[in-house]
PDB file of all heavy atoms in Angstrom:
ATOM      1  N   LYS A   1     -11.788   4.948   4.368  1.00  0.00           N
ATOM      2  CA  LYS A   1     -11.291   3.934   5.290  1.00  0.00           C
ATOM      3  C   LYS A   1      -9.854   4.292   5.675  1.00  0.00           C
ATOM      4  O   LYS A   1      -9.078   4.751   4.830  1.00  0.00           O
ATOM      5  CB  LYS A   1     -11.355   2.551   4.646  1.00  0.00           C
ATOM      6  CG  LYS A   1     -12.780   2.092   4.334  1.00  0.00           C
ATOM      7  CD  LYS A   1     -13.618   2.021   5.595  1.00  0.00           C
ATOM      8  CE  LYS A   1     -15.046   1.610   5.303  1.00  0.00           C
ATOM      9  NZ  LYS A   1     -15.890   1.602   6.531  1.00  0.00           N
ATOM     10  N   LYS A   2      -9.510   4.092   6.937  1.00  0.00           N
ATOM     11  CA  LYS A   2      -8.217   4.565   7.429  1.00  0.00           C
ATOM     12  C   LYS A   2      -7.433   3.444   8.126  1.00  0.00           C
ATOM     13  O   LYS A   2      -7.487   3.299   9.348  1.00  0.00           O
ATOM     14  CB  LYS A   2      -8.413   5.732   8.394  1.00  0.00           C
ATOM     15  CG  LYS A   2      -8.983   6.985   7.745  1.00  0.00           C
ATOM     16  CD  LYS A   2      -9.063   8.127   8.752  1.00  0.00           C
ATOM     17  CE  LYS A   2      -9.585   9.388   8.120  1.00  0.00           C
ATOM     18  NZ  LYS A   2      -9.647  10.514   9.087  1.00  0.00           N
ATOM     19  N   PRO A   3      -6.684   2.655   7.379  1.00  0.00           N
ATOM     20  CA  PRO A   3      -5.785   1.686   8.025  1.00  0.00           C
ATOM     21  C   PRO A   3      -4.769   2.421   8.889  1.00  0.00           C
ATOM     22  O   PRO A   3      -4.349   3.536   8.563  1.00  0.00           O
ATOM     23  CB  PRO A   3      -5.121   0.971   6.847  1.00  0.00           C
ATOM     24  CG  PRO A   3      -5.262   1.924   5.700  1.00  0.00           C
ATOM     25  CD  PRO A   3      -6.543   2.661   5.918  1.00  0.00           C
ATOM     26  N   ASP A   4      -4.383   1.808  10.001  1.00  0.00           N
ATOM     27  CA  ASP A   4      -3.492   2.505  10.940  1.00  0.00           C
ATOM     28  C   ASP A   4      -2.139   2.820  10.324  1.00  0.00           C
ATOM     29  O   ASP A   4      -1.626   3.932  10.472  1.00  0.00           O
ATOM     30  CB  ASP A   4      -3.329   1.663  12.210  1.00  0.00           C
ATOM     31  CG  ASP A   4      -4.612   1.606  13.019  1.00  0.00           C
ATOM     32  OD1 ASP A   4      -5.232   2.664  13.207  1.00  0.00           O
ATOM     33  OD2 ASP A   4      -5.007   0.516  13.443  1.00  0.00           O
ATOM     34  N   LEU A   5      -1.547   1.855   9.641  1.00  0.00           N
ATOM     35  CA  LEU A   5      -0.252   2.060   8.990  1.00  0.00           C
ATOM     36  C   LEU A   5      -0.277   1.411   7.610  1.00  0.00           C
ATOM     37  O   LEU A   5      -0.894   0.357   7.432  1.00  0.00           O
ATOM     38  CB  LEU A   5       0.887   1.438   9.804  1.00  0.00           C
ATOM     39  CG  LEU A   5       1.191   2.036  11.186  1.00  0.00           C
ATOM     40  CD1 LEU A   5       2.176   1.139  11.932  1.00  0.00           C
ATOM     41  CD2 LEU A   5       1.743   3.456  11.062  1.00  0.00           C
ATOM     42  N   VAL A   6       0.388   2.049   6.659  1.00  0.00           N
ATOM     43  CA  VAL A   6       0.585   1.449   5.338  1.00  0.00           C
ATOM     44  C   VAL A   6       2.045   1.623   4.942  1.00  0.00           C
ATOM     45  O   VAL A   6       2.548   2.748   4.869  1.00  0.00           O
ATOM     46  CB  VAL A   6      -0.307   2.083   4.256  1.00  0.00           C
ATOM     47  CG1 VAL A   6      -0.105   1.343   2.936  1.00  0.00           C
ATOM     48  CG2 VAL A   6      -1.774   2.064   4.659  1.00  0.00           C
ATOM     49  N   PHE A   7       2.727   0.503   4.719  1.00  0.00           N
ATOM     50  CA  PHE A   7       4.083   0.524   4.179  1.00  0.00           C
ATOM     51  C   PHE A   7       3.956   0.614   2.659  1.00  0.00           C
ATOM     52  O   PHE A   7       3.472  -0.321   2.009  1.00  0.00           O
ATOM     53  CB  PHE A   7       4.843  -0.751   4.550  1.00  0.00           C
ATOM     54  CG  PHE A   7       5.203  -0.868   6.000  1.00  0.00           C
ATOM     55  CD1 PHE A   7       4.241  -1.229   6.942  1.00  0.00           C
ATOM     56  CD2 PHE A   7       6.502  -0.635   6.422  1.00  0.00           C
ATOM     57  CE1 PHE A   7       4.578  -1.349   8.286  1.00  0.00           C
ATOM     58  CE2 PHE A   7       6.847  -0.747   7.764  1.00  0.00           C
ATOM     59  CZ  PHE A   7       5.874  -1.109   8.695  1.00  0.00           C
ATOM     60  N   ARG A   8       4.360   1.738   2.098  1.00  0.00           N
ATOM     61  CA  ARG A   8       4.295   1.915   0.653  1.00  0.00           C
ATOM     62  C   ARG A   8       5.539   1.315   0.006  1.00  0.00           C
ATOM     63  O   ARG A   8       6.667   1.656   0.375  1.00  0.00           O
ATOM     64  CB  ARG A   8       4.183   3.392   0.298  1.00  0.00           C
ATOM     65  CG  ARG A   8       2.894   4.046   0.777  1.00  0.00           C
ATOM     66  CD  ARG A   8       1.666   3.416   0.131  1.00  0.00           C
ATOM     67  NE  ARG A   8       0.436   4.084   0.537  1.00  0.00           N
ATOM     68  CZ  ARG A   8      -0.781   3.638   0.260  1.00  0.00           C
ATOM     69  NH1 ARG A   8      -0.913   2.521  -0.443  1.00  0.00           N
ATOM     70  NH2 ARG A   8      -1.846   4.298   0.661  1.00  0.00           N
ATOM     71  N   LEU A   9       5.320   0.433  -0.957  1.00  0.00           N
ATOM     72  CA  LEU A   9       6.408  -0.263  -1.629  1.00  0.00           C
ATOM     73  C   LEU A   9       6.737   0.474  -2.921  1.00  0.00           C
ATOM     74  O   LEU A   9       5.857   0.749  -3.730  1.00  0.00           O
ATOM     75  CB  LEU A   9       6.005  -1.706  -1.930  1.00  0.00           C
ATOM     76  CG  LEU A   9       5.482  -2.507  -0.727  1.00  0.00           C
ATOM     77  CD1 LEU A   9       5.103  -3.919  -1.162  1.00  0.00           C
ATOM     78  CD2 LEU A   9       6.530  -2.555   0.372  1.00  0.00           C
ATOM     79  N   SER A  10       8.006   0.790  -3.092  1.00  0.00           N
ATOM     80  CA  SER A  10       8.408   1.590  -4.249  1.00  0.00           C
ATOM     81  C   SER A  10       8.878   0.738  -5.423  1.00  0.00           C
ATOM     82  O   SER A  10       8.470   0.958  -6.558  1.00  0.00           O
ATOM     83  CB  SER A  10       9.505   2.578  -3.848  1.00  0.00           C
ATOM     84  OG  SER A  10      10.580   1.905  -3.213  1.00  0.00           O
ATOM     85  N   SER A  11       9.713  -0.236  -5.163  1.00  0.00           N
ATOM     86  CA  SER A  11      10.379  -0.924  -6.265  1.00  0.00           C
ATOM     87  C   SER A  11       9.572  -2.081  -6.833  1.00  0.00           C
ATOM     88  O   SER A  11       9.920  -2.618  -7.878  1.00  0.00           O
ATOM     89  CB  SER A  11      11.746  -1.446  -5.805  1.00  0.00           C
ATOM     90  OG  SER A  11      11.577  -2.422  -4.789  1.00  0.00           O
ATOM     91  N   THR A  12       8.482  -2.480  -6.170  1.00  0.00           N
ATOM     92  CA  THR A  12       7.773  -3.683  -6.621  1.00  0.00           C
ATOM     93  C   THR A  12       6.336  -3.410  -7.048  1.00  0.00           C
ATOM     94  O   THR A  12       5.602  -4.345  -7.327  1.00  0.00           O
ATOM     95  CB  THR A  12       7.754  -4.741  -5.500  1.00  0.00           C
ATOM     96  OG1 THR A  12       7.064  -4.197  -4.366  1.00  0.00           O
ATOM     97  CG2 THR A  12       9.146  -5.151  -5.100  1.00  0.00           C
ATOM     98  N   ARG A  13       5.928  -2.135  -7.089  1.00  0.00           N
ATOM     99  CA  ARG A  13       4.536  -1.862  -7.465  1.00  0.00           C
ATOM    100  C   ARG A  13       4.309  -2.271  -8.914  1.00  0.00           C
ATOM    101  O   ARG A  13       4.950  -1.767  -9.824  1.00  0.00           O
ATOM    102  CB  ARG A  13       4.203  -0.391  -7.267  1.00  0.00           C
ATOM    103  CG  ARG A  13       2.736  -0.075  -7.571  1.00  0.00           C
ATOM    104  CD  ARG A  13       2.249   1.103  -6.757  1.00  0.00           C
ATOM    105  NE  ARG A  13       2.881   2.354  -7.141  1.00  0.00           N
ATOM    106  CZ  ARG A  13       2.345   3.242  -7.994  1.00  0.00           C
ATOM    107  NH1 ARG A  13       1.183   3.000  -8.547  1.00  0.00           N
ATOM    108  NH2 ARG A  13       2.971   4.359  -8.264  1.00  0.00           N
ATOM    109  N   PRO A  14       3.376  -3.192  -9.138  1.00  0.00           N
ATOM    110  CA  PRO A  14       3.157  -3.697 -10.496  1.00  0.00           C
ATOM    111  C   PRO A  14       2.631  -2.609 -11.432  1.00  0.00           C
ATOM    112  O   PRO A  14       2.057  -1.603 -11.009  1.00  0.00           O
ATOM    113  CB  PRO A  14       2.102  -4.796 -10.301  1.00  0.00           C
ATOM    114  CG  PRO A  14       2.168  -5.147  -8.853  1.00  0.00           C
ATOM    115  CD  PRO A  14       2.553  -3.893  -8.144  1.00  0.00           C
ATOM    116  N   TYR A  15       2.848  -2.839 -12.704  1.00  0.00           N
ATOM    117  CA  TYR A  15       2.347  -1.935 -13.737  1.00  0.00           C
ATOM    118  C   TYR A  15       0.844  -1.752 -13.578  1.00  0.00           C
ATOM    119  O   TYR A  15       0.092  -2.706 -13.442  1.00  0.00           O
ATOM    120  CB  TYR A  15       2.678  -2.538 -15.104  1.00  0.00           C
ATOM    121  CG  TYR A  15       2.142  -1.766 -16.283  1.00  0.00           C
ATOM    122  CD1 TYR A  15       2.579  -0.472 -16.548  1.00  0.00           C
ATOM    123  CD2 TYR A  15       1.211  -2.349 -17.139  1.00  0.00           C
ATOM    124  CE1 TYR A  15       2.103   0.230 -17.653  1.00  0.00           C
ATOM    125  CE2 TYR A  15       0.725  -1.658 -18.238  1.00  0.00           C
ATOM    126  CZ  TYR A  15       1.176  -0.368 -18.489  1.00  0.00           C
ATOM    127  OH  TYR A  15       0.690   0.314 -19.574  1.00  0.00           O
ATOM    128  N   ARG A  16       0.387  -0.499 -13.550  1.00  0.00           N
ATOM    129  CA  ARG A  16      -1.011  -0.114 -13.445  1.00  0.00           C
ATOM    130  C   ARG A  16      -1.633  -0.369 -12.071  1.00  0.00           C
ATOM    131  O   ARG A  16      -2.820  -0.169 -11.889  1.00  0.00           O
ATOM    132  CB  ARG A  16      -1.864  -0.797 -14.516  1.00  0.00           C
ATOM    133  CG  ARG A  16      -1.594  -0.287 -15.940  1.00  0.00           C
ATOM    134  CD  ARG A  16      -2.520  -0.954 -16.933  1.00  0.00           C
ATOM    135  NE  ARG A  16      -2.282  -0.420 -18.278  1.00  0.00           N
ATOM    136  CZ  ARG A  16      -2.860  -0.911 -19.369  1.00  0.00           C
ATOM    137  NH1 ARG A  16      -3.693  -1.932 -19.276  1.00  0.00           N
ATOM    138  NH2 ARG A  16      -2.595  -0.371 -20.552  1.00  0.00           N
ATOM    139  N   ALA A  17      -0.858  -0.831 -11.097  1.00  0.00           N
ATOM    140  CA  ALA A  17      -1.407  -1.000  -9.745  1.00  0.00           C
ATOM    141  C   ALA A  17      -1.699   0.372  -9.152  1.00  0.00           C
ATOM    142  O   ALA A  17      -0.881   1.286  -9.238  1.00  0.00           O
ATOM    143  CB  ALA A  17      -0.425  -1.764  -8.859  1.00  0.00           C
ATOM    144  N   ARG A  18      -2.860   0.529  -8.550  1.00  0.00           N
ATOM    145  CA  ARG A  18      -3.259   1.814  -7.978  1.00  0.00           C
ATOM    146  C   ARG A  18      -2.474   2.080  -6.691  1.00  0.00           C
ATOM    147  O   ARG A  18      -2.454   1.254  -5.778  1.00  0.00           O
ATOM    148  CB  ARG A  18      -4.758   1.800  -7.687  1.00  0.00           C
ATOM    149  CG  ARG A  18      -5.608   1.760  -8.931  1.00  0.00           C
ATOM    150  CD  ARG A  18      -7.044   1.393  -8.609  1.00  0.00           C
ATOM    151  NE  ARG A  18      -7.631   2.278  -7.603  1.00  0.00           N
ATOM    152  CZ  ARG A  18      -8.825   2.062  -7.051  1.00  0.00           C
ATOM    153  NH1 ARG A  18      -9.531   0.999  -7.389  1.00  0.00           N
ATOM    154  NH2 ARG A  18      -9.297   2.899  -6.150  1.00  0.00           N
ATOM    155  N   HIS A  19      -1.863   3.251  -6.616  1.00  0.00           N
ATOM    156  CA  HIS A  19      -1.002   3.584  -5.483  1.00  0.00           C
ATOM    157  C   HIS A  19      -1.720   3.435  -4.146  1.00  0.00           C
ATOM    158  O   HIS A  19      -1.187   2.845  -3.201  1.00  0.00           O
ATOM    159  CB  HIS A  19      -0.484   5.020  -5.621  1.00  0.00           C
ATOM    160  CG  HIS A  19       0.153   5.555  -4.366  1.00  0.00           C
ATOM    161  ND1 HIS A  19       1.451   5.252  -4.015  1.00  0.00           N
ATOM    162  CD2 HIS A  19      -0.344   6.346  -3.377  1.00  0.00           C
ATOM    163  CE1 HIS A  19       1.731   5.836  -2.860  1.00  0.00           C
ATOM    164  NE2 HIS A  19       0.668   6.507  -2.452  1.00  0.00           N
ATOM    165  N   GLU A  20      -2.944   3.957  -4.041  1.00  0.00           N
ATOM    166  CA  GLU A  20      -3.612   4.032  -2.746  1.00  0.00           C
ATOM    167  C   GLU A  20      -4.012   2.672  -2.188  1.00  0.00           C
ATOM    168  O   GLU A  20      -4.228   2.526  -0.987  1.00  0.00           O
ATOM    169  CB  GLU A  20      -4.842   4.959  -2.828  1.00  0.00           C
ATOM    170  CG  GLU A  20      -6.040   4.399  -3.569  1.00  0.00           C
ATOM    171  CD  GLU A  20      -5.994   4.646  -5.070  1.00  0.00           C
ATOM    172  OE1 GLU A  20      -4.898   4.976  -5.596  1.00  0.00           O
ATOM    173  OE2 GLU A  20      -7.052   4.513  -5.714  1.00  0.00           O
ATOM    174  N   VAL A  21      -4.105   1.658  -3.028  1.00  0.00           N
ATOM    175  CA  VAL A  21      -4.535   0.336  -2.538  1.00  0.00           C
ATOM    176  C   VAL A  21      -3.411  -0.693  -2.597  1.00  0.00           C
ATOM    177  O   VAL A  21      -3.633  -1.877  -2.349  1.00  0.00           O
ATOM    178  CB  VAL A  21      -5.765  -0.178  -3.323  1.00  0.00           C
ATOM    179  CG1 VAL A  21      -6.931   0.760  -3.133  1.00  0.00           C
ATOM    180  CG2 VAL A  21      -5.460  -0.385  -4.804  1.00  0.00           C
ATOM    181  N   TYR A  22      -2.189  -0.232  -2.893  1.00  0.00           N
ATOM    182  CA  TYR A  22      -1.053  -1.145  -2.979  1.00  0.00           C
ATOM    183  C   TYR A  22      -0.070  -0.863  -1.851  1.00  0.00           C
ATOM    184  O   TYR A  22       0.383   0.277  -1.677  1.00  0.00           O
ATOM    185  CB  TYR A  22      -0.335  -0.992  -4.327  1.00  0.00           C
ATOM    186  CG  TYR A  22       0.832  -1.942  -4.488  1.00  0.00           C
ATOM    187  CD1 TYR A  22       0.614  -3.282  -4.780  1.00  0.00           C
ATOM    188  CD2 TYR A  22       2.137  -1.502  -4.328  1.00  0.00           C
ATOM    189  CE1 TYR A  22       1.674  -4.162  -4.918  1.00  0.00           C
ATOM    190  CE2 TYR A  22       3.205  -2.367  -4.467  1.00  0.00           C
ATOM    191  CZ  TYR A  22       2.969  -3.700  -4.763  1.00  0.00           C
ATOM    192  OH  TYR A  22       4.019  -4.569  -4.880  1.00  0.00           O
ATOM    193  N   GLY A  23       0.259  -1.867  -1.085  1.00  0.00           N
ATOM    194  CA  GLY A  23       1.211  -1.718   0.006  1.00  0.00           C
ATOM    195  C   GLY A  23       1.015  -2.809   1.039  1.00  0.00           C
ATOM    196  O   GLY A  23       0.195  -3.721   0.878  1.00  0.00           O
ATOM    197  N   ILE A  24       1.779  -2.730   2.107  1.00  0.00           N
ATOM    198  CA  ILE A  24       1.617  -3.640   3.245  1.00  0.00           C
ATOM    199  C   ILE A  24       0.780  -2.902   4.282  1.00  0.00           C
ATOM    200  O   ILE A  24       1.256  -1.959   4.921  1.00  0.00           O
ATOM    201  CB  ILE A  24       2.966  -4.074   3.826  1.00  0.00           C
ATOM    202  CG1 ILE A  24       3.815  -4.784   2.762  1.00  0.00           C
ATOM    203  CG2 ILE A  24       2.746  -4.998   5.032  1.00  0.00           C
ATOM    204  CD1 ILE A  24       5.210  -5.130   3.229  1.00  0.00           C
ATOM    205  N   PHE A  25      -0.458  -3.313   4.432  1.00  0.00           N
ATOM    206  CA  PHE A  25      -1.379  -2.665   5.360  1.00  0.00           C
ATOM    207  C   PHE A  25      -1.223  -3.282   6.746  1.00  0.00           C
ATOM    208  O   PHE A  25      -1.066  -4.498   6.886  1.00  0.00           O
ATOM    209  CB  PHE A  25      -2.824  -2.836   4.877  1.00  0.00           C
ATOM    210  CG  PHE A  25      -3.135  -2.058   3.626  1.00  0.00           C
ATOM    211  CD1 PHE A  25      -2.737  -2.527   2.383  1.00  0.00           C
ATOM    212  CD2 PHE A  25      -3.812  -0.849   3.692  1.00  0.00           C
ATOM    213  CE1 PHE A  25      -3.009  -1.810   1.226  1.00  0.00           C
ATOM    214  CE2 PHE A  25      -4.094  -0.124   2.544  1.00  0.00           C
ATOM    215  CZ  PHE A  25      -3.687  -0.603   1.306  1.00  0.00           C
ATOM    216  N   ALA A  26      -1.290  -2.436   7.773  1.00  0.00           N
ATOM    217  CA  ALA A  26      -1.170  -2.904   9.160  1.00  0.00           C
ATOM    218  C   ALA A  26      -2.252  -2.246  10.004  1.00  0.00           C
ATOM    219  O   ALA A  26      -2.333  -1.017  10.067  1.00  0.00           O
ATOM    220  CB  ALA A  26       0.209  -2.585   9.724  1.00  0.00           C
ATOM    221  N   GLU A  27      -3.087  -3.056  10.626  1.00  0.00           N
ATOM    222  CA  GLU A  27      -4.111  -2.568  11.549  1.00  0.00           C
ATOM    223  C   GLU A  27      -3.622  -2.808  12.972  1.00  0.00           C
ATOM    224  O   GLU A  27      -3.075  -3.880  13.279  1.00  0.00           O
ATOM    225  CB  GLU A  27      -5.435  -3.292  11.307  1.00  0.00           C
ATOM    226  CG  GLU A  27      -6.587  -2.843  12.163  1.00  0.00           C
ATOM    227  CD  GLU A  27      -7.060  -1.422  11.856  1.00  0.00           C
ATOM    228  OE1 GLU A  27      -6.573  -0.803  10.886  1.00  0.00           O
ATOM    229  OE2 GLU A  27      -7.917  -0.928  12.600  1.00  0.00           O
ATOM    230  N   CYS A  28      -3.773  -1.821  13.856  1.00  0.00           N
ATOM    231  CA  CYS A  28      -3.224  -1.876  15.211  1.00  0.00           C
ATOM    232  C   CYS A  28      -4.349  -1.837  16.239  1.00  0.00           C
ATOM    233  O   CYS A  28      -5.286  -1.046  16.102  1.00  0.00           O
ATOM    234  CB  CYS A  28      -2.274  -0.704  15.456  1.00  0.00           C
ATOM    235  SG  CYS A  28      -1.010  -0.489  14.169  1.00  0.00           S
TER     236      CYS A  28
END
């Protein structure tokens, strides 16, 4: 699956949260 944009959050990613599914997703 390919969301148009993903803002990857560095300082707030919770412990054990999977990188690829964590962020602010934006569909355009």
